[in-house]
Amino acid sequence: MLEIVLHLLIIVTIYAILSISLNLMTGTTGLFVLGLAAFYGIGAYTSALLAKAGVPIIFCLLAGTLMSSLIAFLLGLPTLRLVGDYLAVVTMGLGEITRAVFKNWVDLTGGYMGLRKIPKIAFLGYELQGRLEYLIFAVIVLVVVYIVIQRLLNSPFGRVLRATREDEMAAQALGKNTFRFKLWAMCIGSGTAGLAGALFAHYINVISPADFVMWLTFFVLLIIMLGGLGNNLGAIVATALFVLGREGLRFVGLPPSISAPLQQLIFGLLLIFATIYAPKGIIPERTQFVREDGSFA
C-alpha cells in the first residue's frame, strides 16, 4: 500500500511541474499551446537516450530541458505572430509530428516498443533506488521550479506577460516587444515541460510514443483551467486532485471497461461544476492594482 501511495505522489509531482509549464504559456501569457505532449516527450527521449549512452544524469536532465526549449524557440520564431486557433493548430501539429518521429525512427527511439532499461537518477555515484528517495528528489525539483517561475511572474517580466495576455496591442503601445516576451515564455515553459518528461523517463525506466499522446495536453489544460489560470498554486492543487483521482481508480480493482468511462465522467462533472461555481478556478489568479505612487498592490 505504501508503495502505491509513493508512486501516486511521484506522478502528482511530475504532473505538477508539467502543469506549471503550461500555466506559464497559456494561463499567464495567453498562448494557446496544444503541443505540450511534444515538449514533454522531447525532454524524456533526449534525457533517456543520453543516459543510455553513459552521460551523467545531471547533464541528461539539463539536455532534456534545453532540447525542449530549443525546439520551442525554432517553432516560436515563425509562429508566435499567430494568435488563438492558428497557434493552437501549429502546436498541435508539432505534437503529432513528434509522436510520428518517436514511432518511426526505430533505430534511435525504438519505435512502438520505445526505450527500455533507462538508467535511474544518480548523483556522485549514489543511485536513487526506492520510491521514497525519488519522491524527495522530485519534490525538491518541483519546489525549485515553483520558486523560479513565481519570481519571474512577480517581476516586471511577468507583468508584461499578463499585459500581453489581456491586451497585446496596449502592451505594444507602451513600447513592449511582446513577440520577444512571448518567445521567452514559450521557451521557459517548454523547457520546464522537458524537465518533467526527463524526470518521468528516469522514474518509469520505460517510455514509448503511447506516453506522449494528444490527450495528455488536454488533460493538463483541464487541470490549469480548474486550478486557476495564471495561478501555479491552484495548478498544483488541481493536479493532486485530478491525478490522484485518475491514477487511484487503477488500484480499486475495477476493469478497464468501467474505470476508463468512470474517469471521463468524473472529469466531465468536475469541469461542469467548476465552470458554474468556480469559473476562475479553485484558486483564482490574484489581481494586481496600481497604487497612486506607481507600486503594485
C-alpha atoms as a PDB file:
ATOM      1  CA  MET A   1       0.000   0.000   0.000  1.00  0.00           C
ATOM      2  CA  LEU A   2       2.828   2.401   0.879  1.00  0.00           C
ATOM      3  CA  GLU A   3       4.486   1.768  -2.487  1.00  0.00           C
ATOM      4  CA  ILE A   4       1.243   2.640  -4.265  1.00  0.00           C
ATOM      5  CA  VAL A   5       0.912   5.895  -2.322  1.00  0.00           C
ATOM      6  CA  LEU A   6       4.518   6.840  -3.073  1.00  0.00           C
ATOM      7  CA  HIS A   7       4.004   6.076  -6.762  1.00  0.00           C
ATOM      8  CA  LEU A   8       0.918   8.277  -6.892  1.00  0.00           C
ATOM      9  CA  LEU A   9       2.721  11.134  -5.158  1.00  0.00           C
ATOM     10  CA  ILE A  10       5.631  10.928  -7.599  1.00  0.00           C
ATOM     11  CA  ILE A  11       3.255  11.082 -10.572  1.00  0.00           C
ATOM     12  CA  VAL A  12       1.473  14.046  -8.949  1.00  0.00           C
ATOM     13  CA  THR A  13       4.811  15.844  -8.536  1.00  0.00           C
ATOM     14  CA  ILE A  14       5.847  15.281 -12.157  1.00  0.00           C
ATOM     15  CA  TYR A  15       2.453  16.394 -13.461  1.00  0.00           C
ATOM     16  CA  ALA A  16       2.561  19.445 -11.187  1.00  0.00           C
ATOM     17  CA  ILE A  17       5.776  20.546 -12.921  1.00  0.00           C
ATOM     18  CA  LEU A  18       4.080  19.915 -16.260  1.00  0.00           C
ATOM     19  CA  SER A  19       1.051  21.983 -15.174  1.00  0.00           C
ATOM     20  CA  ILE A  20       3.258  24.889 -14.118  1.00  0.00           C
ATOM     21  CA  SER A  21       4.888  24.834 -17.558  1.00  0.00           C
ATOM     22  CA  LEU A  22       1.570  25.071 -19.414  1.00  0.00           C
ATOM     23  CA  ASN A  23       0.234  27.621 -16.929  1.00  0.00           C
ATOM     24  CA  LEU A  24       3.144  29.915 -17.776  1.00  0.00           C
ATOM     25  CA  MET A  25       2.482  29.674 -21.503  1.00  0.00           C
ATOM     26  CA  THR A  26      -1.309  29.538 -21.592  1.00  0.00           C
ATOM     27  CA  GLY A  27      -2.545  30.760 -18.223  1.00  0.00           C
ATOM     28  CA  THR A  28      -0.212  33.736 -17.812  1.00  0.00           C
ATOM     29  CA  THR A  29       0.842  34.662 -21.359  1.00  0.00           C
ATOM     30  CA  GLY A  30      -2.304  33.615 -23.200  1.00  0.00           C
ATOM     31  CA  LEU A  31      -0.559  31.372 -25.737  1.00  0.00           C
ATOM     32  CA  PHE A  32      -2.949  28.637 -26.871  1.00  0.00           C
ATOM     33  CA  VAL A  33      -0.294  25.896 -26.922  1.00  0.00           C
ATOM     34  CA  LEU A  34      -1.547  22.387 -27.694  1.00  0.00           C
ATOM     35  CA  GLY A  35       1.863  20.809 -28.192  1.00  0.00           C
ATOM     36  CA  LEU A  36       2.727  20.260 -24.538  1.00  0.00           C
ATOM     37  CA  ALA A  37       2.978  16.494 -25.004  1.00  0.00           C
ATOM     38  CA  ALA A  38       5.626  17.069 -27.679  1.00  0.00           C
ATOM     39  CA  PHE A  39       7.900  19.073 -25.377  1.00  0.00           C
ATOM     40  CA  TYR A  40       7.275  16.562 -22.590  1.00  0.00           C
ATOM     41  CA  GLY A  41       8.272  13.711 -24.896  1.00  0.00           C
ATOM     42  CA  ILE A  42      11.306  15.513 -26.325  1.00  0.00           C
ATOM     43  CA  GLY A  43      12.674  16.014 -22.826  1.00  0.00           C
ATOM     44  CA  ALA A  44      12.004  12.384 -21.933  1.00  0.00           C
ATOM     45  CA  TYR A  45      13.606  10.878 -25.041  1.00  0.00           C
ATOM     46  CA  THR A  46      16.589  13.247 -25.007  1.00  0.00           C
ATOM     47  CA  SER A  47      17.444  12.519 -21.389  1.00  0.00           C
ATOM     48  CA  ALA A  48      16.824   8.774 -21.756  1.00  0.00           C
ATOM     49  CA  LEU A  49      18.979   8.415 -24.890  1.00  0.00           C
ATOM     50  CA  LEU A  50      21.874  10.320 -23.358  1.00  0.00           C
ATOM     51  CA  ALA A  51      21.644   8.335 -20.120  1.00  0.00           C
ATOM     52  CA  LYS A  52      21.724   5.051 -22.030  1.00  0.00           C
ATOM     53  CA  ALA A  53      24.821   6.353 -23.821  1.00  0.00           C
ATOM     54  CA  GLY A  54      26.559   6.814 -20.475  1.00  0.00           C
ATOM     55  CA  VAL A  55      26.190  10.573 -19.989  1.00  0.00           C
ATOM     56  CA  PRO A  56      25.905  11.654 -16.315  1.00  0.00           C
ATOM     57  CA  ILE A  57      22.276  12.056 -15.270  1.00  0.00           C
ATOM     58  CA  ILE A  58      22.560  15.706 -14.271  1.00  0.00           C
ATOM     59  CA  PHE A  59      23.626  16.560 -17.837  1.00  0.00           C
ATOM     60  CA  CYS A  60      20.853  14.353 -19.226  1.00  0.00           C
ATOM     61  CA  LEU A  61      18.217  16.303 -17.292  1.00  0.00           C
ATOM     62  CA  LEU A  62      19.743  19.586 -18.410  1.00  0.00           C
ATOM     63  CA  ALA A  63      19.902  18.412 -22.036  1.00  0.00           C
ATOM     64  CA  GLY A  64      16.251  17.335 -21.990  1.00  0.00           C
ATOM     65  CA  THR A  65      15.292  20.777 -20.691  1.00  0.00           C
ATOM     66  CA  LEU A  66      17.420  22.651 -23.229  1.00  0.00           C
ATOM     67  CA  MET A  67      16.340  20.494 -26.184  1.00  0.00           C
ATOM     68  CA  SER A  68      12.670  21.205 -25.480  1.00  0.00           C
ATOM     69  CA  SER A  69      13.466  24.924 -25.178  1.00  0.00           C
ATOM     70  CA  LEU A  70      15.398  24.843 -28.458  1.00  0.00           C
ATOM     71  CA  ILE A  71      12.527  23.199 -30.333  1.00  0.00           C
ATOM     72  CA  ALA A  72      10.130  25.765 -28.828  1.00  0.00           C
ATOM     73  CA  PHE A  73      12.464  28.570 -29.950  1.00  0.00           C
ATOM     74  CA  LEU A  74      12.654  27.241 -33.508  1.00  0.00           C
ATOM     75  CA  LEU A  75       8.883  26.764 -33.598  1.00  0.00           C
ATOM     76  CA  GLY A  76       8.150  30.120 -31.994  1.00  0.00           C
ATOM     77  CA  LEU A  77      10.207  32.254 -34.362  1.00  0.00           C
ATOM     78  CA  PRO A  78       7.834  31.826 -37.338  1.00  0.00           C
ATOM     79  CA  THR A  79       4.609  31.086 -35.461  1.00  0.00           C
ATOM     80  CA  LEU A  80       4.284  33.323 -32.391  1.00  0.00           C
ATOM     81  CA  ARG A  81       2.919  36.154 -34.501  1.00  0.00           C
ATOM     82  CA  LEU A  82      -0.098  33.894 -34.943  1.00  0.00           C
ATOM     83  CA  VAL A  83      -2.814  34.056 -32.322  1.00  0.00           C
ATOM     84  CA  GLY A  84      -5.658  31.951 -30.965  1.00  0.00           C
ATOM     85  CA  ASP A  85      -6.732  28.986 -33.061  1.00  0.00           C
ATOM     86  CA  TYR A  86      -3.888  29.362 -35.565  1.00  0.00           C
ATOM     87  CA  LEU A  87      -1.195  28.931 -32.922  1.00  0.00           C
ATOM     88  CA  ALA A  88      -3.160  26.023 -31.444  1.00  0.00           C
ATOM     89  CA  VAL A  89      -3.239  24.234 -34.804  1.00  0.00           C
ATOM     90  CA  VAL A  90       0.504  24.702 -35.376  1.00  0.00           C
ATOM     91  CA  THR A  91       1.473  23.429 -31.930  1.00  0.00           C
ATOM     92  CA  MET A  92      -0.978  20.543 -32.240  1.00  0.00           C
ATOM     93  CA  GLY A  93       0.744  19.629 -35.488  1.00  0.00           C
ATOM     94  CA  LEU A  94       4.086  19.638 -33.675  1.00  0.00           C
ATOM     95  CA  GLY A  95       2.686  17.124 -31.207  1.00  0.00           C
ATOM     96  CA  GLU A  96       1.628  14.748 -33.969  1.00  0.00           C
ATOM     97  CA  ILE A  97       4.899  15.165 -35.901  1.00  0.00           C
ATOM     98  CA  THR A  98       6.935  14.498 -32.777  1.00  0.00           C
ATOM     99  CA  ARG A  99       4.976  11.366 -31.957  1.00  0.00           C
ATOM    100  CA  ALA A 100       5.385  10.164 -35.538  1.00  0.00           C
ATOM    101  CA  VAL A 101       9.150  10.592 -35.183  1.00  0.00           C
ATOM    102  CA  PHE A 102       9.099   8.640 -31.926  1.00  0.00           C
ATOM    103  CA  LYS A 103       7.217   5.804 -33.657  1.00  0.00           C
ATOM    104  CA  ASN A 104       9.098   5.656 -36.956  1.00  0.00           C
ATOM    105  CA  TRP A 105      12.734   6.439 -36.122  1.00  0.00           C
ATOM    106  CA  VAL A 106      13.155   2.904 -34.859  1.00  0.00           C
ATOM    107  CA  ASP A 107      16.959   2.861 -34.791  1.00  0.00           C
ATOM    108  CA  LEU A 108      17.038   5.790 -32.373  1.00  0.00           C
ATOM    109  CA  THR A 109      13.793   5.701 -30.407  1.00  0.00           C
ATOM    110  CA  GLY A 110      12.890   2.014 -30.553  1.00  0.00           C
ATOM    111  CA  GLY A 111       9.655   2.716 -32.430  1.00  0.00           C
ATOM    112  CA  TYR A 112       6.446   1.420 -30.882  1.00  0.00           C
ATOM    113  CA  MET A 113       8.439  -0.583 -28.341  1.00  0.00           C
ATOM    114  CA  GLY A 114      10.105   2.582 -27.065  1.00  0.00           C
ATOM    115  CA  LEU A 115      13.176   2.779 -24.857  1.00  0.00           C
ATOM    116  CA  ARG A 116      13.724   0.302 -22.036  1.00  0.00           C
ATOM    117  CA  LYS A 117      16.151  -0.060 -19.147  1.00  0.00           C
ATOM    118  CA  ILE A 118      16.568   3.702 -18.809  1.00  0.00           C
ATOM    119  CA  PRO A 119      19.117   4.374 -16.052  1.00  0.00           C
ATOM    120  CA  LYS A 120      17.847   5.659 -12.747  1.00  0.00           C
ATOM    121  CA  ILE A 121      18.831   9.075 -11.445  1.00  0.00           C
ATOM    122  CA  ALA A 122      22.230   9.031  -9.769  1.00  0.00           C
ATOM    123  CA  PHE A 123      24.490  11.733  -8.355  1.00  0.00           C
ATOM    124  CA  LEU A 124      28.129  11.342  -7.338  1.00  0.00           C
ATOM    125  CA  GLY A 125      27.840   7.578  -7.608  1.00  0.00           C
ATOM    126  CA  TYR A 126      24.677   7.355  -5.486  1.00  0.00           C
ATOM    127  CA  GLU A 127      21.622   5.993  -7.305  1.00  0.00           C
ATOM    128  CA  LEU A 128      18.070   6.716  -6.225  1.00  0.00           C
ATOM    129  CA  GLN A 129      16.710   3.228  -5.651  1.00  0.00           C
ATOM    130  CA  GLY A 130      13.490   3.466  -3.660  1.00  0.00           C
ATOM    131  CA  ARG A 131      10.367   5.422  -4.457  1.00  0.00           C
ATOM    132  CA  LEU A 132      10.699   7.467  -1.293  1.00  0.00           C
ATOM    133  CA  GLU A 133      14.111   8.720  -2.403  1.00  0.00           C
ATOM    134  CA  TYR A 134      12.781   9.566  -5.852  1.00  0.00           C
ATOM    135  CA  LEU A 135       9.780  11.352  -4.335  1.00  0.00           C
ATOM    136  CA  ILE A 136      12.062  13.539  -2.221  1.00  0.00           C
ATOM    137  CA  PHE A 137      14.148  14.392  -5.274  1.00  0.00           C
ATOM    138  CA  ALA A 138      11.059  15.138  -7.405  1.00  0.00           C
ATOM    139  CA  VAL A 139       9.577  17.366  -4.697  1.00  0.00           C
ATOM    140  CA  ILE A 140      12.838  19.316  -4.478  1.00  0.00           C
ATOM    141  CA  VAL A 141      12.738  19.859  -8.247  1.00  0.00           C
ATOM    142  CA  LEU A 142       9.081  20.956  -8.035  1.00  0.00           C
ATOM    143  CA  VAL A 143       9.855  23.459  -5.273  1.00  0.00           C
ATOM    144  CA  VAL A 144      12.769  24.905  -7.256  1.00  0.00           C
ATOM    145  CA  VAL A 145      10.638  25.186 -10.403  1.00  0.00           C
ATOM    146  CA  TYR A 146       7.785  26.786  -8.467  1.00  0.00           C
ATOM    147  CA  ILE A 147      10.054  29.371  -6.812  1.00  0.00           C
ATOM    148  CA  VAL A 148      11.806  30.283 -10.052  1.00  0.00           C
ATOM    149  CA  ILE A 149       8.575  30.647 -12.039  1.00  0.00           C
ATOM    150  CA  GLN A 150       6.910  32.632  -9.251  1.00  0.00           C
ATOM    151  CA  ARG A 151       9.848  35.043  -9.093  1.00  0.00           C
ATOM    152  CA  LEU A 152       9.520  35.531 -12.837  1.00  0.00           C
ATOM    153  CA  LEU A 153       5.778  36.139 -12.589  1.00  0.00           C
ATOM    154  CA  ASN A 154       6.204  38.644  -9.771  1.00  0.00           C
ATOM    155  CA  SER A 155       8.856  40.575 -11.719  1.00  0.00           C
ATOM    156  CA  PRO A 156       8.324  43.176 -14.458  1.00  0.00           C
ATOM    157  CA  PHE A 157       8.773  40.287 -16.917  1.00  0.00           C
ATOM    158  CA  GLY A 158       5.690  38.574 -15.505  1.00  0.00           C
ATOM    159  CA  ARG A 159       3.651  41.765 -15.582  1.00  0.00           C
ATOM    160  CA  VAL A 160       4.421  42.185 -19.271  1.00  0.00           C
ATOM    161  CA  LEU A 161       3.283  38.600 -19.890  1.00  0.00           C
ATOM    162  CA  ARG A 162      -0.042  39.323 -18.175  1.00  0.00           C
ATOM    163  CA  ALA A 163      -0.405  42.567 -20.086  1.00  0.00           C
ATOM    164  CA  THR A 164       0.217  40.674 -23.322  1.00  0.00           C
ATOM    165  CA  ARG A 165      -2.481  38.191 -22.394  1.00  0.00           C
ATOM    166  CA  GLU A 166      -5.033  40.875 -21.529  1.00  0.00           C
ATOM    167  CA  ASP A 167      -4.353  43.319 -24.368  1.00  0.00           C
ATOM    168  CA  GLU A 168      -1.336  42.788 -26.574  1.00  0.00           C
ATOM    169  CA  MET A 169      -1.889  45.949 -28.596  1.00  0.00           C
ATOM    170  CA  ALA A 170      -1.933  48.051 -25.429  1.00  0.00           C
ATOM    171  CA  ALA A 171       1.324  46.442 -24.278  1.00  0.00           C
ATOM    172  CA  GLN A 172       2.885  47.203 -27.652  1.00  0.00           C
ATOM    173  CA  ALA A 173       1.663  50.787 -27.437  1.00  0.00           C
ATOM    174  CA  LEU A 174       3.621  51.079 -24.179  1.00  0.00           C
ATOM    175  CA  GLY A 175       6.780  50.111 -26.034  1.00  0.00           C
ATOM    176  CA  LYS A 176       6.956  46.430 -25.067  1.00  0.00           C
ATOM    177  CA  ASN A 177       8.270  43.937 -27.598  1.00  0.00           C
ATOM    178  CA  THR A 178       5.527  41.393 -26.972  1.00  0.00           C
ATOM    179  CA  PHE A 179       6.892  38.944 -29.540  1.00  0.00           C
ATOM    180  CA  ARG A 180      10.149  38.653 -27.612  1.00  0.00           C
ATOM    181  CA  PHE A 181       8.324  38.192 -24.302  1.00  0.00           C
ATOM    182  CA  LYS A 182       6.065  35.514 -25.764  1.00  0.00           C
ATOM    183  CA  LEU A 183       9.076  33.714 -27.214  1.00  0.00           C
ATOM    184  CA  TRP A 184      10.808  33.736 -23.821  1.00  0.00           C
ATOM    185  CA  ALA A 185       7.646  32.465 -22.133  1.00  0.00           C
ATOM    186  CA  MET A 186       7.304  29.635 -24.643  1.00  0.00           C
ATOM    187  CA  CYS A 187      10.974  28.627 -24.300  1.00  0.00           C
ATOM    188  CA  ILE A 188      10.861  28.651 -20.486  1.00  0.00           C
ATOM    189  CA  GLY A 189       7.531  26.819 -20.346  1.00  0.00           C
ATOM    190  CA  SER A 190       8.591  24.212 -22.899  1.00  0.00           C
ATOM    191  CA  GLY A 191      11.908  23.671 -21.145  1.00  0.00           C
ATOM    192  CA  THR A 192      10.052  23.071 -17.881  1.00  0.00           C
ATOM    193  CA  ALA A 193       7.854  20.527 -19.650  1.00  0.00           C
ATOM    194  CA  GLY A 194      11.006  18.850 -20.976  1.00  0.00           C
ATOM    195  CA  LEU A 195      12.372  18.635 -17.434  1.00  0.00           C
ATOM    196  CA  ALA A 196       9.146  16.948 -16.311  1.00  0.00           C
ATOM    197  CA  GLY A 197       9.487  14.480 -19.184  1.00  0.00           C
ATOM    198  CA  ALA A 198      13.059  13.668 -18.199  1.00  0.00           C
ATOM    199  CA  LEU A 199      12.003  13.025 -14.598  1.00  0.00           C
ATOM    200  CA  PHE A 200       9.219  10.759 -15.860  1.00  0.00           C
ATOM    201  CA  ALA A 201      11.575   8.762 -18.087  1.00  0.00           C
ATOM    202  CA  HIS A 202      14.102   8.089 -15.341  1.00  0.00           C
ATOM    203  CA  TYR A 203      11.360   7.147 -12.895  1.00  0.00           C
ATOM    204  CA  ILE A 204       9.362   4.777 -15.120  1.00  0.00           C
ATOM    205  CA  ASN A 205      12.534   3.448 -16.841  1.00  0.00           C
ATOM    206  CA  VAL A 206      10.453   2.581 -19.914  1.00  0.00           C
ATOM    207  CA  ILE A 207       8.963   5.109 -22.335  1.00  0.00           C
ATOM    208  CA  SER A 208       7.140   4.752 -25.646  1.00  0.00           C
ATOM    209  CA  PRO A 209       5.189   7.001 -28.042  1.00  0.00           C
ATOM    210  CA  ALA A 210       1.981   5.996 -26.222  1.00  0.00           C
ATOM    211  CA  ASP A 211       3.116   8.065 -23.223  1.00  0.00           C
ATOM    212  CA  PHE A 212       3.043  11.333 -25.193  1.00  0.00           C
ATOM    213  CA  VAL A 213      -0.327  11.395 -26.945  1.00  0.00           C
ATOM    214  CA  MET A 214      -2.514  14.449 -27.522  1.00  0.00           C
ATOM    215  CA  TRP A 215      -4.901  13.675 -24.661  1.00  0.00           C
ATOM    216  CA  LEU A 216      -2.079  14.473 -22.232  1.00  0.00           C
ATOM    217  CA  THR A 217      -2.083  18.097 -23.367  1.00  0.00           C
ATOM    218  CA  PHE A 218      -5.847  18.372 -22.931  1.00  0.00           C
ATOM    219  CA  PHE A 219      -5.632  16.714 -19.521  1.00  0.00           C
ATOM    220  CA  VAL A 220      -3.085  19.265 -18.278  1.00  0.00           C
ATOM    221  CA  LEU A 221      -5.075  22.095 -19.880  1.00  0.00           C
ATOM    222  CA  LEU A 222      -8.119  20.959 -17.927  1.00  0.00           C
ATOM    223  CA  ILE A 223      -6.014  20.917 -14.755  1.00  0.00           C
ATOM    224  CA  ILE A 224      -4.864  24.521 -15.082  1.00  0.00           C
ATOM    225  CA  MET A 225      -8.360  25.679 -16.032  1.00  0.00           C
ATOM    226  CA  LEU A 226      -9.830  24.165 -12.887  1.00  0.00           C
ATOM    227  CA  GLY A 227      -6.875  25.166 -10.732  1.00  0.00           C
ATOM    228  CA  GLY A 228      -6.957  28.775 -11.857  1.00  0.00           C
ATOM    229  CA  LEU A 229      -5.334  30.154 -14.996  1.00  0.00           C
ATOM    230  CA  GLY A 230      -2.211  32.084 -14.096  1.00  0.00           C
ATOM    231  CA  ASN A 231      -2.046  30.694 -10.548  1.00  0.00           C
ATOM    232  CA  ASN A 232       0.579  27.994 -10.062  1.00  0.00           C
ATOM    233  CA  LEU A 233      -0.580  27.079  -6.563  1.00  0.00           C
ATOM    234  CA  GLY A 234      -4.028  26.356  -7.954  1.00  0.00           C
ATOM    235  CA  ALA A 235      -2.450  24.269 -10.704  1.00  0.00           C
ATOM    236  CA  ILE A 236      -0.624  22.157  -8.127  1.00  0.00           C
ATOM    237  CA  VAL A 237      -3.787  21.628  -6.059  1.00  0.00           C
ATOM    238  CA  ALA A 238      -5.813  20.681  -9.147  1.00  0.00           C
ATOM    239  CA  THR A 239      -3.038  18.350 -10.287  1.00  0.00           C
ATOM    240  CA  ALA A 240      -3.187  16.480  -6.995  1.00  0.00           C
ATOM    241  CA  LEU A 241      -6.974  16.136  -7.225  1.00  0.00           C
ATOM    242  CA  PHE A 242      -7.013  15.014 -10.847  1.00  0.00           C
ATOM    243  CA  VAL A 243      -4.008  12.711 -10.876  1.00  0.00           C
ATOM    244  CA  LEU A 244      -4.953  11.014  -7.610  1.00  0.00           C
ATOM    245  CA  GLY A 245      -8.472  10.593  -8.944  1.00  0.00           C
ATOM    246  CA  ARG A 246      -7.325   9.202 -12.288  1.00  0.00           C
ATOM    247  CA  GLU A 247      -4.443   7.023 -11.125  1.00  0.00           C
ATOM    248  CA  GLY A 248      -6.244   5.945  -7.954  1.00  0.00           C
ATOM    249  CA  LEU A 249      -9.011   4.304  -9.976  1.00  0.00           C
ATOM    250  CA  ARG A 250      -6.433   1.888 -11.367  1.00  0.00           C
ATOM    251  CA  PHE A 251      -5.906   0.385  -7.929  1.00  0.00           C
ATOM    252  CA  VAL A 252      -9.519  -0.164  -6.851  1.00  0.00           C
ATOM    253  CA  GLY A 253      -9.926  -3.352  -8.860  1.00  0.00           C
ATOM    254  CA  LEU A 254     -12.350  -2.065 -11.499  1.00  0.00           C
ATOM    255  CA  PRO A 255     -11.997  -3.495 -15.033  1.00  0.00           C
ATOM    256  CA  PRO A 256     -10.725  -1.062 -17.708  1.00  0.00           C
ATOM    257  CA  SER A 257     -14.137  -1.100 -19.408  1.00  0.00           C
ATOM    258  CA  ILE A 258     -15.563   0.568 -16.295  1.00  0.00           C
ATOM    259  CA  SER A 259     -12.661   2.612 -14.922  1.00  0.00           C
ATOM    260  CA  ALA A 260     -11.943   4.481 -18.180  1.00  0.00           C
ATOM    261  CA  PRO A 261     -15.539   5.739 -18.728  1.00  0.00           C
ATOM    262  CA  LEU A 262     -15.753   6.481 -14.998  1.00  0.00           C
ATOM    263  CA  GLN A 263     -12.668   8.713 -15.252  1.00  0.00           C
ATOM    264  CA  GLN A 264     -14.210  10.622 -18.141  1.00  0.00           C
ATOM    265  CA  LEU A 265     -17.461  11.002 -16.227  1.00  0.00           C
ATOM    266  CA  ILE A 266     -15.716  12.331 -13.129  1.00  0.00           C
ATOM    267  CA  PHE A 267     -13.598  14.809 -15.090  1.00  0.00           C
ATOM    268  CA  GLY A 268     -16.613  15.970 -17.073  1.00  0.00           C
ATOM    269  CA  LEU A 269     -18.611  16.571 -13.900  1.00  0.00           C
ATOM    270  CA  LEU A 270     -15.687  18.442 -12.336  1.00  0.00           C
ATOM    271  CA  LEU A 271     -15.408  20.658 -15.389  1.00  0.00           C
ATOM    272  CA  ILE A 272     -19.145  21.422 -15.337  1.00  0.00           C
ATOM    273  CA  PHE A 273     -19.053  22.127 -11.604  1.00  0.00           C
ATOM    274  CA  ALA A 274     -16.028  24.418 -11.916  1.00  0.00           C
ATOM    275  CA  THR A 275     -17.497  26.267 -14.890  1.00  0.00           C
ATOM    276  CA  ILE A 276     -20.683  27.033 -12.939  1.00  0.00           C
ATOM    277  CA  TYR A 277     -19.408  27.587  -9.406  1.00  0.00           C
ATOM    278  CA  ALA A 278     -15.726  28.476  -9.861  1.00  0.00           C
ATOM    279  CA  PRO A 279     -15.253  29.951 -13.350  1.00  0.00           C
ATOM    280  CA  LYS A 280     -11.864  31.428 -12.356  1.00  0.00           C
ATOM    281  CA  GLY A 281     -10.636  28.150 -10.910  1.00  0.00           C
ATOM    282  CA  ILE A 282     -10.139  26.719  -7.449  1.00  0.00           C
ATOM    283  CA  ILE A 283      -7.581  29.416  -6.591  1.00  0.00           C
ATOM    284  CA  PRO A 284      -8.095  32.407  -8.917  1.00  0.00           C
ATOM    285  CA  GLU A 285      -5.176  34.488 -10.078  1.00  0.00           C
ATOM    286  CA  ARG A 286      -4.534  37.403  -7.750  1.00  0.00           C
ATOM    287  CA  THR A 287      -5.350  40.712  -9.414  1.00  0.00           C
ATOM    288  CA  GLN A 288      -2.780  43.472  -9.044  1.00  0.00           C
ATOM    289  CA  PHE A 289      -3.733  47.094  -8.676  1.00  0.00           C
ATOM    290  CA  VAL A 290      -1.545  50.108  -9.246  1.00  0.00           C
ATOM    291  CA  ARG A 291      -1.310  52.497  -6.296  1.00  0.00           C
ATOM    292  CA  GLU A 292      -1.020  56.242  -6.722  1.00  0.00           C
ATOM    293  CA  ASP A 293       2.759  56.049  -6.175  1.00  0.00           C
ATOM    294  CA  GLY A 294       3.075  53.602  -9.071  1.00  0.00           C
ATOM    295  CA  SER A 295       3.677  50.499  -6.967  1.00  0.00           C
ATOM    296  CA  PHE A 296       1.616  47.306  -7.244  1.00  0.00           C
ATOM    297  CA  ALA A 297      -0.833  46.072  -4.608  1.00  0.00           C
END
